[in-house]
Amino acid sequence: PYYVDLNQNLFLQASLHSSDPNLVVFVDTCVASPDPSNFRTLTYELIRSGCIKDPTYSSYFSPYMGIARFAFSAFSFVNRYPSVYLQCELVVCRHNDYSSRCYQGCLSRFKRNAGS
């Protein structure tokens, strides 16, 4: 566990350990939950499909391609839950592969055409 005060900035870093220096790490989705085994019922989205959902979420520059850095302000689920658990999905891509998920940024869903 990592203990923080309410509204304190929480800084995180995800590191890729690979012998391939041409890989990039991208934070696609991070969801918080008061239950470490359930990230579907009572959840709070920080970032989803590369789209920032929480106004305190921010990404930070990393001098290394294999490291993703981000932060958000600590919060609680009402006052009934003593802990908040974080589950993040990261994507690994080739550096300079601009067609890859890492370079597409926020992917908002498009509505389908209901016509014939």
Protein backbone atom coordinates (compact mmCIF):
# COMPACT_ATOMS: atom_id res chain seq x y z
CA PRO A 1 0.00 0.00 0.00
CA TYR A 2 0.94 3.59 -0.60
CA TYR A 3 -0.49 6.11 1.84
CA VAL A 4 -1.44 9.60 0.68
CA ASP A 5 -3.61 12.38 2.03
CA LEU A 6 -6.83 13.33 0.32
CA ASN A 7 -6.20 15.64 -2.68
CA GLN A 8 -2.46 15.01 -2.52
CA ASN A 9 -0.85 14.50 -5.94
CA LEU A 10 0.02 10.87 -6.56
CA PHE A 11 2.80 10.32 -9.09
CA LEU A 12 3.12 7.00 -10.91
CA GLN A 13 5.58 5.51 -13.34
CA ALA A 14 5.30 2.39 -15.48
CA SER A 15 8.55 0.95 -16.81
CA LEU A 16 9.05 -1.50 -19.64
CA HIS A 17 12.01 -3.81 -19.18
CA SER A 18 13.09 -5.02 -22.61
CA SER A 19 16.30 -5.44 -24.56
CA ASP A 20 14.60 -3.67 -27.49
CA PRO A 21 15.31 0.09 -27.14
CA ASN A 22 12.75 1.00 -29.84
CA LEU A 23 9.61 0.34 -27.80
CA VAL A 24 7.23 2.98 -26.44
CA VAL A 25 4.81 2.68 -23.49
CA PHE A 26 1.39 4.34 -23.66
CA VAL A 27 -1.13 4.63 -20.80
CA ASP A 28 -4.44 3.67 -22.41
CA THR A 29 -6.80 3.18 -19.45
CA CYS A 30 -6.66 3.60 -15.67
CA VAL A 31 -9.66 2.80 -13.49
CA ALA A 32 -9.92 3.09 -9.71
CA SER A 33 -12.08 0.95 -7.43
CA PRO A 34 -12.56 0.45 -3.69
CA ASP A 35 -12.61 -3.33 -4.33
CA PRO A 36 -9.35 -4.88 -5.61
CA SER A 37 -11.24 -7.76 -7.23
CA ASN A 38 -14.01 -5.75 -8.92
CA PHE A 39 -13.22 -3.04 -11.47
CA ARG A 40 -16.70 -3.09 -13.04
CA THR A 41 -19.28 -2.10 -10.43
CA LEU A 42 -18.18 0.90 -8.36
CA THR A 43 -15.39 2.50 -10.37
CA TYR A 44 -13.90 5.84 -11.22
CA GLU A 45 -12.18 6.42 -14.55
CA LEU A 46 -9.00 8.45 -14.65
CA ILE A 47 -8.28 7.80 -18.33
CA ARG A 48 -10.17 5.59 -20.81
CA SER A 49 -8.96 4.72 -24.34
CA GLY A 50 -6.39 7.50 -24.06
CA CYS A 51 -9.08 10.08 -23.18
CA ILE A 52 -8.58 11.88 -19.87
CA LYS A 53 -11.69 11.54 -17.68
CA ASP A 54 -10.40 13.07 -14.44
CA PRO A 55 -9.45 16.78 -14.50
CA THR A 56 -6.52 16.18 -12.12
CA TYR A 57 -4.94 13.51 -14.36
CA SER A 58 -1.83 14.58 -16.22
CA SER A 59 0.95 12.81 -18.06
CA TYR A 60 4.58 13.82 -17.69
CA PHE A 61 7.54 13.80 -20.01
CA SER A 62 9.94 10.90 -19.67
CA PRO A 63 13.43 10.96 -21.18
CA TYR A 64 13.05 7.24 -21.87
CA MET A 65 10.61 5.74 -24.38
CA GLY A 66 10.02 2.66 -22.22
CA ILE A 67 8.71 4.70 -19.29
CA ALA A 68 5.28 6.30 -18.91
CA ARG A 69 4.78 8.86 -16.14
CA PHE A 70 1.47 10.26 -14.92
CA ALA A 71 -0.20 11.72 -11.85
CA PHE A 72 -3.61 12.44 -10.36
CA SER A 73 -5.03 13.87 -7.18
CA ALA A 74 -5.80 11.29 -4.49
CA PHE A 75 -9.48 10.81 -3.70
CA SER A 76 -11.77 8.51 -1.75
CA PHE A 77 -14.96 6.67 -2.65
CA VAL A 78 -17.32 8.56 -0.37
CA ASN A 79 -15.97 7.93 3.15
CA ARG A 80 -17.03 4.32 3.39
CA TYR A 81 -13.94 2.79 1.81
CA PRO A 82 -10.49 3.08 3.41
CA SER A 83 -8.57 2.12 0.26
CA VAL A 84 -8.62 2.85 -3.45
CA TYR A 85 -7.15 0.35 -5.92
CA LEU A 86 -5.86 1.25 -9.36
CA GLN A 87 -5.91 -0.93 -12.48
CA CYS A 88 -4.17 0.38 -15.60
CA GLU A 89 -3.89 -0.93 -19.13
CA LEU A 90 -0.72 -0.01 -20.96
CA VAL A 91 0.14 -0.49 -24.61
CA VAL A 92 3.60 -1.21 -25.97
CA CYS A 93 4.38 -0.09 -29.52
CA ARG A 94 7.30 0.39 -31.85
CA HIS A 95 8.87 3.83 -31.73
CA ASN A 96 7.84 5.96 -34.74
CA ASP A 97 5.07 3.55 -35.80
CA TYR A 98 2.53 6.32 -36.17
CA SER A 99 -0.25 3.90 -37.15
CA SER A 100 0.07 2.10 -33.79
CA ARG A 101 -2.21 2.63 -30.79
CA CYS A 102 0.50 4.58 -28.93
CA TYR A 103 0.37 7.43 -31.41
CA GLN A 104 -3.41 7.65 -31.83
CA GLY A 105 -4.08 9.41 -28.52
CA CYS A 106 -7.70 9.73 -27.37
CA LEU A 107 -10.04 7.32 -29.14
CA SER A 108 -13.61 8.46 -28.68
CA ARG A 109 -16.30 6.13 -29.91
CA PHE A 110 -18.06 6.98 -33.12
CA LYS A 111 -21.79 6.48 -33.59
CA ARG A 112 -22.75 3.97 -36.25
CA ASN A 113 -24.85 5.02 -39.20
CA ALA A 114 -28.38 3.63 -38.74
CA GLY A 115 -29.16 4.00 -42.44
CA SER A 116 -29.42 1.16 -44.94
